[in-house]
Amino acid sequence: MSVTGITANTPNRLIFNAGAVYKNYGGGTQQVLGATRGGARFVVEEDMREVEIDGVRGPIKGLRRPTRIVARLEVTFLEVTQELIEKLIRTTTRTTDTIGAVDYHKYTPDQDVVDADYWQNVALVADSQTDGEPYVVKLLYPLSDAGWNINTADNDEGTIDVSFTAHFSAATATTVPYEVYIPQSAS
């Protein structure tokens, strides 16, 4: 006997390819952040508190609650764009400078985090087999707050590793700051 989990709907429930990372997805200022390598990784970490009761030997259904929820999107970008660099270093000033005969945009990092450092959202949009309807994972009020790095190597392209973290809004502090969209045709 062969055991498998495949069903007639399996082809409609698969995510294909690496997808693309957008800023402000679904809004008037939506744009792709740049070419990536190695796909992306969406991570949700939850710390759960178990209500302990004397005489009970283990977890009780209904007596667990999340105490911390952190959602991240980890991406390796191949493309170095002005907008990405400005968000990564939280710039407050951009000037021009010349080194040798080359004119540059010079970015000066700011040590403080201000409201302008957060985007409306960052989304991973990935292909499905259901008539081009994508799967979407959206982080709300993302900030690159885990650091970032530029990697270079001989005979290879340089990359930038970035981790975006979703943030709760003070105005809606009980709303978890990430959303997952699955095409209805994948049901």
N, C-alpha and C. Protein backbone atom coordinates (compact mmCIF):
# COMPACT_ATOMS: atom_id res chain seq x y z
N MET A 1 0.85 -1.19 0.00
CA MET A 1 0.00 0.00 0.00
C MET A 1 0.89 1.24 0.00
N SER A 2 0.57 2.19 -0.86
CA SER A 2 1.29 3.46 -0.93
C SER A 2 0.47 4.54 -0.23
N VAL A 3 1.11 5.26 0.66
CA VAL A 3 0.42 6.32 1.39
C VAL A 3 0.95 7.66 0.91
N THR A 4 0.07 8.57 0.59
CA THR A 4 0.46 9.90 0.13
C THR A 4 -0.57 10.91 0.59
N GLY A 5 -0.17 12.13 0.69
CA GLY A 5 -1.08 13.20 1.09
C GLY A 5 -1.67 13.95 -0.09
N ILE A 6 -1.36 13.52 -1.32
CA ILE A 6 -1.83 14.25 -2.50
C ILE A 6 -3.34 14.10 -2.65
N THR A 7 -3.97 15.22 -3.06
CA THR A 7 -5.41 15.23 -3.35
C THR A 7 -5.61 15.87 -4.71
N ALA A 8 -6.84 15.89 -5.17
CA ALA A 8 -7.16 16.52 -6.46
C ALA A 8 -6.84 18.01 -6.43
N ASN A 9 -6.82 18.63 -5.25
CA ASN A 9 -6.55 20.07 -5.13
C ASN A 9 -5.08 20.40 -4.95
N THR A 10 -4.22 19.41 -4.78
CA THR A 10 -2.80 19.65 -4.53
C THR A 10 -2.16 20.59 -5.55
N PRO A 11 -2.39 20.43 -6.86
CA PRO A 11 -1.75 21.35 -7.82
C PRO A 11 -2.13 22.82 -7.62
N ASN A 12 -3.31 23.07 -7.05
CA ASN A 12 -3.76 24.45 -6.83
C ASN A 12 -3.29 25.03 -5.50
N ARG A 13 -2.56 24.24 -4.73
CA ARG A 13 -2.16 24.68 -3.39
C ARG A 13 -0.65 24.78 -3.23
N LEU A 14 0.06 24.89 -4.33
CA LEU A 14 1.51 24.96 -4.28
C LEU A 14 2.00 26.38 -4.55
N ILE A 15 3.05 26.76 -3.86
CA ILE A 15 3.72 28.04 -4.10
C ILE A 15 4.91 27.73 -5.00
N PHE A 16 5.03 28.49 -6.09
CA PHE A 16 6.11 28.26 -7.05
C PHE A 16 7.09 29.43 -7.07
N ASN A 17 8.33 29.12 -7.31
CA ASN A 17 9.39 30.09 -7.54
C ASN A 17 9.67 30.95 -6.30
N ALA A 18 10.59 31.88 -6.46
CA ALA A 18 11.06 32.68 -5.34
C ALA A 18 10.13 33.81 -4.97
N GLY A 19 9.33 34.27 -5.91
CA GLY A 19 8.46 35.41 -5.65
C GLY A 19 9.23 36.71 -5.74
N ALA A 20 8.57 37.80 -5.41
CA ALA A 20 9.16 39.13 -5.44
C ALA A 20 8.80 39.84 -4.14
N VAL A 21 9.65 40.76 -3.73
CA VAL A 21 9.42 41.53 -2.51
C VAL A 21 9.03 42.95 -2.91
N TYR A 22 7.90 43.40 -2.39
CA TYR A 22 7.35 44.71 -2.69
C TYR A 22 7.34 45.58 -1.45
N LYS A 23 7.43 46.86 -1.65
CA LYS A 23 7.13 47.80 -0.56
C LYS A 23 5.77 48.41 -0.85
N ASN A 24 5.00 48.65 0.19
CA ASN A 24 3.66 49.25 0.09
C ASN A 24 2.76 48.51 -0.88
N TYR A 25 2.77 47.17 -0.80
CA TYR A 25 2.00 46.32 -1.70
C TYR A 25 0.50 46.61 -1.57
N GLY A 26 -0.15 46.73 -2.72
CA GLY A 26 -1.59 46.97 -2.75
C GLY A 26 -1.96 48.44 -2.68
N GLY A 27 -0.99 49.32 -2.58
CA GLY A 27 -1.27 50.75 -2.50
C GLY A 27 -0.79 51.48 -3.74
N GLY A 28 -1.04 52.75 -3.78
CA GLY A 28 -0.67 53.57 -4.93
C GLY A 28 0.83 53.73 -5.11
N THR A 29 1.61 53.49 -4.07
CA THR A 29 3.07 53.63 -4.17
C THR A 29 3.77 52.28 -4.18
N GLN A 30 3.04 51.22 -4.54
CA GLN A 30 3.60 49.86 -4.58
C GLN A 30 4.76 49.79 -5.56
N GLN A 31 5.85 49.14 -5.14
CA GLN A 31 6.97 48.91 -6.06
C GLN A 31 7.81 47.74 -5.61
N VAL A 32 8.38 47.04 -6.59
CA VAL A 32 9.30 45.94 -6.32
C VAL A 32 10.57 46.53 -5.74
N LEU A 33 11.11 45.88 -4.69
CA LEU A 33 12.32 46.40 -4.04
C LEU A 33 13.60 46.02 -4.77
N GLY A 34 13.55 45.03 -5.65
CA GLY A 34 14.75 44.68 -6.40
C GLY A 34 14.88 43.18 -6.57
N ALA A 35 15.80 42.80 -7.44
CA ALA A 35 16.07 41.39 -7.70
C ALA A 35 16.66 40.74 -6.46
N THR A 36 16.28 39.48 -6.24
CA THR A 36 16.75 38.74 -5.06
C THR A 36 17.47 37.46 -5.48
N ARG A 37 18.12 36.84 -4.53
CA ARG A 37 18.76 35.54 -4.75
C ARG A 37 18.41 34.63 -3.56
N GLY A 38 18.07 33.39 -3.88
CA GLY A 38 17.80 32.42 -2.82
C GLY A 38 16.41 32.53 -2.22
N GLY A 39 15.51 33.25 -2.88
CA GLY A 39 14.15 33.37 -2.38
C GLY A 39 14.07 34.25 -1.15
N ALA A 40 13.03 34.06 -0.39
CA ALA A 40 12.82 34.82 0.84
C ALA A 40 12.34 33.86 1.91
N ARG A 41 12.43 34.28 3.14
CA ARG A 41 12.01 33.44 4.26
C ARG A 41 11.14 34.27 5.18
N PHE A 42 9.87 33.83 5.34
CA PHE A 42 8.92 34.46 6.25
C PHE A 42 8.94 33.68 7.56
N VAL A 43 9.15 34.37 8.67
CA VAL A 43 9.30 33.71 9.97
C VAL A 43 8.38 34.40 10.97
N VAL A 44 7.63 33.59 11.72
CA VAL A 44 6.84 34.11 12.83
C VAL A 44 7.31 33.41 14.10
N GLU A 45 7.70 34.20 15.08
CA GLU A 45 8.11 33.67 16.39
C GLU A 45 7.05 34.07 17.40
N GLU A 46 6.60 33.11 18.18
CA GLU A 46 5.62 33.40 19.22
C GLU A 46 6.12 32.84 20.56
N ASP A 47 6.10 33.68 21.56
CA ASP A 47 6.34 33.22 22.92
C ASP A 47 4.97 32.98 23.54
N MET A 48 4.76 31.77 24.06
CA MET A 48 3.47 31.42 24.64
C MET A 48 3.62 31.25 26.15
N ARG A 49 2.67 31.79 26.86
CA ARG A 49 2.63 31.62 28.32
C ARG A 49 1.59 30.55 28.63
N GLU A 50 2.03 29.62 29.45
CA GLU A 50 1.13 28.57 29.91
C GLU A 50 0.70 28.93 31.32
N VAL A 51 -0.60 29.03 31.53
CA VAL A 51 -1.12 29.32 32.85
C VAL A 51 -0.94 28.06 33.70
N GLU A 52 -0.16 28.18 34.75
CA GLU A 52 0.12 27.02 35.61
C GLU A 52 -0.88 26.97 36.76
N ILE A 53 -1.38 25.78 36.99
CA ILE A 53 -2.36 25.57 38.05
C ILE A 53 -1.88 24.41 38.92
N ASP A 54 -1.91 24.62 40.23
CA ASP A 54 -1.49 23.56 41.15
C ASP A 54 -2.24 22.27 40.87
N GLY A 55 -1.51 21.16 40.90
CA GLY A 55 -2.10 19.84 40.74
C GLY A 55 -2.31 19.41 39.30
N VAL A 56 -2.09 20.30 38.34
CA VAL A 56 -2.25 19.95 36.92
C VAL A 56 -0.89 19.56 36.38
N ARG A 57 -0.83 18.46 35.66
CA ARG A 57 0.45 17.90 35.23
C ARG A 57 0.91 18.33 33.85
N GLY A 58 0.16 19.15 33.17
CA GLY A 58 0.57 19.56 31.83
C GLY A 58 -0.29 20.70 31.30
N PRO A 59 -0.04 21.07 30.06
CA PRO A 59 -0.79 22.17 29.46
C PRO A 59 -2.29 21.87 29.38
N ILE A 60 -3.10 22.86 29.64
CA ILE A 60 -4.55 22.75 29.58
C ILE A 60 -5.05 23.56 28.38
N LYS A 61 -5.87 22.92 27.57
CA LYS A 61 -6.47 23.60 26.43
C LYS A 61 -7.21 24.85 26.92
N GLY A 62 -6.96 25.97 26.23
CA GLY A 62 -7.61 27.22 26.59
C GLY A 62 -6.84 28.06 27.59
N LEU A 63 -5.74 27.50 28.15
CA LEU A 63 -4.97 28.24 29.15
C LEU A 63 -3.57 28.57 28.64
N ARG A 64 -3.47 28.86 27.37
CA ARG A 64 -2.21 29.33 26.79
C ARG A 64 -2.49 30.66 26.11
N ARG A 65 -1.54 31.55 26.22
CA ARG A 65 -1.74 32.85 25.56
C ARG A 65 -0.41 33.37 25.04
N PRO A 66 -0.45 34.00 23.88
CA PRO A 66 0.80 34.56 23.36
C PRO A 66 1.20 35.80 24.15
N THR A 67 2.47 35.90 24.47
CA THR A 67 2.97 37.08 25.17
C THR A 67 3.84 37.94 24.27
N ARG A 68 4.27 37.37 23.15
CA ARG A 68 5.09 38.13 22.19
C ARG A 68 4.95 37.47 20.83
N ILE A 69 4.73 38.30 19.81
CA ILE A 69 4.62 37.82 18.43
C ILE A 69 5.54 38.69 17.58
N VAL A 70 6.48 38.06 16.89
CA VAL A 70 7.41 38.78 16.03
C VAL A 70 7.39 38.12 14.65
N ALA A 71 7.10 38.92 13.62
CA ALA A 71 7.11 38.41 12.24
C ALA A 71 8.23 39.10 11.47
N ARG A 72 8.98 38.29 10.70
CA ARG A 72 10.11 38.82 9.93
C ARG A 72 10.07 38.28 8.51
N LEU A 73 10.67 39.04 7.61
CA LEU A 73 10.89 38.60 6.24
C LEU A 73 12.38 38.76 5.98
N GLU A 74 13.04 37.63 5.70
CA GLU A 74 14.49 37.63 5.47
C GLU A 74 14.73 37.47 3.97
N VAL A 75 15.52 38.39 3.40
CA VAL A 75 15.71 38.44 1.95
C VAL A 75 17.17 38.74 1.64
N THR A 76 17.66 38.16 0.55
CA THR A 76 18.98 38.51 0.02
C THR A 76 18.76 39.22 -1.31
N PHE A 77 19.11 40.49 -1.34
CA PHE A 77 18.93 41.30 -2.56
C PHE A 77 20.21 41.28 -3.38
N LEU A 78 20.04 41.19 -4.69
CA LEU A 78 21.16 41.35 -5.63
C LEU A 78 21.28 42.81 -6.04
N GLU A 79 20.16 43.48 -6.08
CA GLU A 79 20.10 44.84 -6.58
C GLU A 79 20.32 45.85 -5.45
N VAL A 80 21.15 46.83 -5.69
CA VAL A 80 21.40 47.89 -4.72
C VAL A 80 20.65 49.13 -5.22
N THR A 81 19.54 49.45 -4.55
CA THR A 81 18.76 50.62 -4.96
C THR A 81 18.87 51.71 -3.90
N GLN A 82 18.68 52.92 -4.35
CA GLN A 82 18.74 54.08 -3.46
C GLN A 82 17.72 53.94 -2.34
N GLU A 83 16.51 53.54 -2.68
CA GLU A 83 15.45 53.45 -1.67
C GLU A 83 15.75 52.38 -0.62
N LEU A 84 16.27 51.24 -1.05
CA LEU A 84 16.59 50.18 -0.10
C LEU A 84 17.69 50.63 0.86
N ILE A 85 18.74 51.20 0.33
CA ILE A 85 19.85 51.66 1.19
C ILE A 85 19.37 52.73 2.17
N GLU A 86 18.52 53.65 1.72
CA GLU A 86 18.01 54.69 2.62
C GLU A 86 17.23 54.08 3.78
N LYS A 87 16.45 53.03 3.54
CA LYS A 87 15.70 52.39 4.62
C LYS A 87 16.60 51.59 5.55
N LEU A 88 17.61 50.96 4.97
CA LEU A 88 18.48 50.12 5.79
C LEU A 88 19.30 50.95 6.78
N ILE A 89 19.76 52.12 6.33
CA ILE A 89 20.60 52.92 7.24
C ILE A 89 19.82 54.06 7.89
N ARG A 90 18.50 54.08 7.68
CA ARG A 90 17.65 55.10 8.30
C ARG A 90 18.25 56.50 8.12
N THR A 91 18.36 56.90 6.90
CA THR A 91 19.02 58.16 6.59
C THR A 91 18.16 59.37 6.91
N THR A 92 18.79 60.36 7.39
CA THR A 92 18.12 61.66 7.50
C THR A 92 18.75 62.64 6.53
N THR A 93 19.96 62.34 6.09
CA THR A 93 20.60 63.25 5.14
C THR A 93 21.19 62.49 3.96
N ARG A 94 20.96 63.04 2.79
CA ARG A 94 21.59 62.53 1.58
C ARG A 94 22.20 63.74 0.89
N THR A 95 23.48 63.68 0.67
CA THR A 95 24.19 64.77 0.01
C THR A 95 24.90 64.21 -1.22
N THR A 96 25.56 65.07 -1.94
CA THR A 96 26.38 64.60 -3.06
C THR A 96 27.83 64.81 -2.69
N ASP A 97 28.67 63.96 -3.22
CA ASP A 97 30.09 64.04 -2.95
C ASP A 97 30.82 63.50 -4.17
N THR A 98 32.04 63.93 -4.33
CA THR A 98 32.86 63.45 -5.44
C THR A 98 34.13 62.84 -4.87
N ILE A 99 34.42 61.62 -5.31
CA ILE A 99 35.67 60.98 -4.96
C ILE A 99 36.36 60.68 -6.29
N GLY A 100 37.54 61.25 -6.46
CA GLY A 100 38.20 61.14 -7.76
C GLY A 100 37.36 61.86 -8.80
N ALA A 101 37.00 61.17 -9.86
CA ALA A 101 36.17 61.78 -10.90
C ALA A 101 34.73 61.26 -10.85
N VAL A 102 34.37 60.57 -9.77
CA VAL A 102 33.04 59.97 -9.69
C VAL A 102 32.17 60.76 -8.73
N ASP A 103 30.95 61.10 -9.20
CA ASP A 103 29.97 61.77 -8.35
C ASP A 103 29.12 60.72 -7.64
N TYR A 104 28.88 60.92 -6.34
CA TYR A 104 28.15 59.96 -5.53
C TYR A 104 27.00 60.63 -4.80
N HIS A 105 26.00 59.82 -4.45
CA HIS A 105 25.04 60.18 -3.41
C HIS A 105 25.67 59.68 -2.12
N LYS A 106 25.79 60.55 -1.15
CA LYS A 106 26.39 60.17 0.14
C LYS A 106 25.27 60.09 1.17
N TYR A 107 25.16 58.93 1.81
CA TYR A 107 24.13 58.70 2.82
C TYR A 107 24.76 58.71 4.20
N THR A 108 24.21 59.53 5.08
CA THR A 108 24.71 59.62 6.43
C THR A 108 23.68 59.00 7.37
N PRO A 109 24.04 57.90 8.05
CA PRO A 109 23.08 57.23 8.93
C PRO A 109 22.69 58.10 10.12
N ASP A 110 21.46 57.87 10.58
CA ASP A 110 20.97 58.52 11.78
C ASP A 110 20.83 57.45 12.85
N GLN A 111 21.16 57.76 14.08
CA GLN A 111 21.09 56.76 15.14
C GLN A 111 19.69 56.60 15.70
N ASP A 112 18.79 57.51 15.42
CA ASP A 112 17.44 57.44 15.95
C ASP A 112 16.49 56.78 14.95
N VAL A 113 15.41 56.20 15.45
CA VAL A 113 14.34 55.65 14.62
C VAL A 113 13.17 56.62 14.69
N VAL A 114 12.73 57.07 13.52
CA VAL A 114 11.60 58.01 13.44
C VAL A 114 10.50 57.37 12.59
N ASP A 115 9.30 57.94 12.64
CA ASP A 115 8.16 57.37 11.92
C ASP A 115 8.44 57.18 10.43
N ALA A 116 9.18 58.08 9.83
CA ALA A 116 9.47 57.99 8.39
C ALA A 116 10.33 56.78 8.04
N ASP A 117 10.96 56.15 9.03
CA ASP A 117 11.78 54.97 8.78
C ASP A 117 10.96 53.71 8.49
N TYR A 118 9.67 53.74 8.84
CA TYR A 118 8.79 52.59 8.63
C TYR A 118 8.04 52.74 7.30
N TRP A 119 7.96 51.65 6.55
CA TRP A 119 7.09 51.64 5.38
C TRP A 119 5.70 51.22 5.82
N GLN A 120 4.72 51.40 4.94
CA GLN A 120 3.37 50.93 5.21
C GLN A 120 3.37 49.41 5.33
N ASN A 121 4.04 48.74 4.40
CA ASN A 121 4.18 47.30 4.46
C ASN A 121 5.30 46.83 3.55
N VAL A 122 5.76 45.62 3.78
CA VAL A 122 6.65 44.90 2.87
C VAL A 122 5.98 43.56 2.65
N ALA A 123 5.90 43.14 1.39
CA ALA A 123 5.18 41.90 1.08
C ALA A 123 6.02 40.98 0.21
N LEU A 124 5.91 39.70 0.49
CA LEU A 124 6.44 38.66 -0.38
C LEU A 124 5.26 38.17 -1.20
N VAL A 125 5.39 38.29 -2.52
CA VAL A 125 4.33 37.89 -3.45
C VAL A 125 4.87 36.73 -4.28
N ALA A 126 4.25 35.54 -4.13
CA ALA A 126 4.77 34.34 -4.77
C ALA A 126 3.72 33.72 -5.69
N ASP A 127 4.20 33.13 -6.77
CA ASP A 127 3.33 32.52 -7.78
C ASP A 127 2.59 31.30 -7.24
N SER A 128 1.40 31.10 -7.81
CA SER A 128 0.65 29.86 -7.60
C SER A 128 0.25 29.34 -8.97
N GLN A 129 -0.33 28.18 -9.01
CA GLN A 129 -0.76 27.61 -10.29
C GLN A 129 -2.20 27.99 -10.60
N THR A 130 -2.83 28.76 -9.75
CA THR A 130 -4.25 29.07 -9.91
C THR A 130 -4.45 30.38 -10.66
N ASP A 131 -4.32 30.33 -11.96
CA ASP A 131 -4.59 31.45 -12.85
C ASP A 131 -3.84 32.73 -12.48
N GLY A 132 -2.62 32.60 -12.04
CA GLY A 132 -1.81 33.77 -11.73
C GLY A 132 -2.18 34.48 -10.45
N GLU A 133 -3.03 33.87 -9.64
CA GLU A 133 -3.40 34.48 -8.37
C GLU A 133 -2.30 34.17 -7.36
N PRO A 134 -1.57 35.18 -6.88
CA PRO A 134 -0.41 34.92 -6.02
C PRO A 134 -0.79 34.67 -4.56
N TYR A 135 0.12 34.03 -3.87
CA TYR A 135 0.10 33.99 -2.41
C TYR A 135 0.83 35.25 -1.94
N VAL A 136 0.36 35.87 -0.87
CA VAL A 136 0.97 37.09 -0.38
C VAL A 136 1.13 37.01 1.13
N VAL A 137 2.32 37.36 1.60
CA VAL A 137 2.58 37.53 3.03
C VAL A 137 3.01 38.97 3.21
N LYS A 138 2.30 39.68 4.06
CA LYS A 138 2.52 41.12 4.20
C LYS A 138 2.90 41.46 5.64
N LEU A 139 4.03 42.13 5.82
CA LEU A 139 4.44 42.65 7.13
C LEU A 139 3.98 44.10 7.22
N LEU A 140 3.35 44.46 8.31
CA LEU A 140 2.89 45.83 8.51
C LEU A 140 3.93 46.62 9.28
N TYR A 141 4.11 47.85 8.90
CA TYR A 141 5.06 48.78 9.53
C TYR A 141 6.44 48.16 9.70
N PRO A 142 7.02 47.67 8.61
CA PRO A 142 8.31 46.98 8.72
C PRO A 142 9.47 47.96 8.90
N LEU A 143 10.48 47.43 9.55
CA LEU A 143 11.72 48.16 9.75
C LEU A 143 12.84 47.14 9.67
N SER A 144 13.93 47.50 9.06
CA SER A 144 15.10 46.63 9.05
C SER A 144 15.86 46.91 10.34
N ASP A 145 15.52 46.16 11.39
CA ASP A 145 16.08 46.46 12.71
C ASP A 145 16.98 45.36 13.25
N ALA A 146 17.37 44.42 12.38
CA ALA A 146 18.25 43.34 12.82
C ALA A 146 19.63 43.48 12.20
N GLY A 147 19.93 44.65 11.68
CA GLY A 147 21.19 44.86 10.99
C GLY A 147 21.12 44.36 9.56
N TRP A 148 22.16 44.57 8.80
CA TRP A 148 22.22 44.13 7.41
C TRP A 148 23.67 44.03 7.02
N ASN A 149 23.94 43.33 5.93
CA ASN A 149 25.33 43.21 5.50
C ASN A 149 25.41 43.10 3.98
N ILE A 150 26.55 43.55 3.46
CA ILE A 150 26.86 43.44 2.05
C ILE A 150 27.92 42.35 1.92
N ASN A 151 27.68 41.40 1.00
CA ASN A 151 28.59 40.28 0.78
C ASN A 151 29.17 40.37 -0.63
N THR A 152 30.47 40.28 -0.75
CA THR A 152 31.12 40.25 -2.06
C THR A 152 32.09 39.08 -2.11
N ALA A 153 32.32 38.56 -3.32
CA ALA A 153 33.26 37.46 -3.50
C ALA A 153 33.74 37.47 -4.95
N ASP A 154 34.95 36.99 -5.17
CA ASP A 154 35.47 36.88 -6.53
C ASP A 154 34.55 36.01 -7.37
N ASN A 155 34.39 36.38 -8.62
CA ASN A 155 33.59 35.63 -9.59
C ASN A 155 32.15 35.42 -9.16
N ASP A 156 31.60 36.36 -8.41
CA ASP A 156 30.21 36.27 -7.97
C ASP A 156 29.65 37.68 -7.86
N GLU A 157 28.33 37.77 -7.77
CA GLU A 157 27.68 39.06 -7.62
C GLU A 157 27.58 39.41 -6.13
N GLY A 158 27.66 40.67 -5.83
CA GLY A 158 27.48 41.11 -4.45
C GLY A 158 26.01 41.00 -4.06
N THR A 159 25.77 40.75 -2.79
CA THR A 159 24.41 40.65 -2.28
C THR A 159 24.28 41.46 -0.99
N ILE A 160 23.03 41.79 -0.67
CA ILE A 160 22.72 42.48 0.59
C ILE A 160 21.71 41.63 1.34
N ASP A 161 22.07 41.17 2.54
CA ASP A 161 21.16 40.39 3.38
C ASP A 161 20.38 41.35 4.27
N VAL A 162 19.05 41.20 4.24
CA VAL A 162 18.17 42.10 4.98
C VAL A 162 17.14 41.28 5.74
N SER A 163 16.79 41.74 6.92
CA SER A 163 15.70 41.15 7.67
C SER A 163 14.75 42.27 8.07
N PHE A 164 13.52 42.22 7.54
CA PHE A 164 12.50 43.21 7.90
C PHE A 164 11.67 42.64 9.03
N THR A 165 11.39 43.45 10.06
CA THR A 165 10.56 43.04 11.19
C THR A 165 9.28 43.87 11.20
N ALA A 166 8.13 43.18 11.33
CA ALA A 166 6.84 43.87 11.43
C ALA A 166 6.72 44.50 12.80
N HIS A 167 5.97 45.61 12.86
CA HIS A 167 5.79 46.31 14.14
C HIS A 167 4.32 46.57 14.40
N PHE A 168 3.92 46.42 15.64
CA PHE A 168 2.58 46.79 16.05
C PHE A 168 2.44 48.30 15.94
N SER A 169 1.23 48.77 15.70
CA SER A 169 0.95 50.20 15.68
C SER A 169 0.38 50.60 17.03
N ALA A 170 0.80 51.74 17.54
CA ALA A 170 0.26 52.22 18.82
C ALA A 170 -1.25 52.46 18.72
N ALA A 171 -1.72 52.84 17.53
CA ALA A 171 -3.15 53.11 17.34
C ALA A 171 -3.98 51.83 17.36
N THR A 172 -3.38 50.71 16.97
CA THR A 172 -4.09 49.42 16.94
C THR A 172 -3.20 48.35 17.56
N ALA A 173 -2.84 48.56 18.81
CA ALA A 173 -1.84 47.72 19.48
C ALA A 173 -2.26 46.28 19.68
N THR A 174 -3.52 45.94 19.49
CA THR A 174 -3.95 44.56 19.65
C THR A 174 -4.06 43.83 18.30
N THR A 175 -3.75 44.51 17.21
CA THR A 175 -3.78 43.89 15.89
C THR A 175 -2.40 43.38 15.54
N VAL A 176 -2.28 42.06 15.32
CA VAL A 176 -1.00 41.44 14.98
C VAL A 176 -0.53 42.02 13.64
N PRO A 177 0.75 42.42 13.53
CA PRO A 177 1.21 43.19 12.37
C PRO A 177 1.67 42.38 11.15
N TYR A 178 0.99 41.29 10.86
CA TYR A 178 1.25 40.61 9.59
C TYR A 178 -0.05 40.02 9.07
N GLU A 179 -0.09 39.83 7.75
CA GLU A 179 -1.27 39.28 7.09
C GLU A 179 -0.83 38.24 6.07
N VAL A 180 -1.63 37.19 5.92
CA VAL A 180 -1.35 36.13 4.94
C VAL A 180 -2.56 36.03 4.02
N TYR A 181 -2.32 36.09 2.71
CA TYR A 181 -3.37 36.01 1.72
C TYR A 181 -3.20 34.74 0.89
N ILE A 182 -4.26 33.90 0.86
CA ILE A 182 -4.25 32.67 0.07
C ILE A 182 -5.38 32.78 -0.95
N PRO A 183 -5.09 32.55 -2.23
CA PRO A 183 -6.15 32.66 -3.24
C PRO A 183 -7.33 31.74 -2.91
N GLN A 184 -8.55 32.25 -3.07
CA GLN A 184 -9.74 31.45 -2.78
C GLN A 184 -9.78 30.20 -3.66
N SER A 185 -9.22 30.29 -4.84
CA SER A 185 -9.21 29.13 -5.74
C SER A 185 -8.32 28.01 -5.22
N ALA A 186 -7.50 28.27 -4.21
CA ALA A 186 -6.63 27.25 -3.64
C ALA A 186 -7.32 26.47 -2.53
N SER A 187 -8.56 26.83 -2.24
CA SER A 187 -9.29 26.16 -1.14
C SER A 187 -9.61 24.72 -1.45
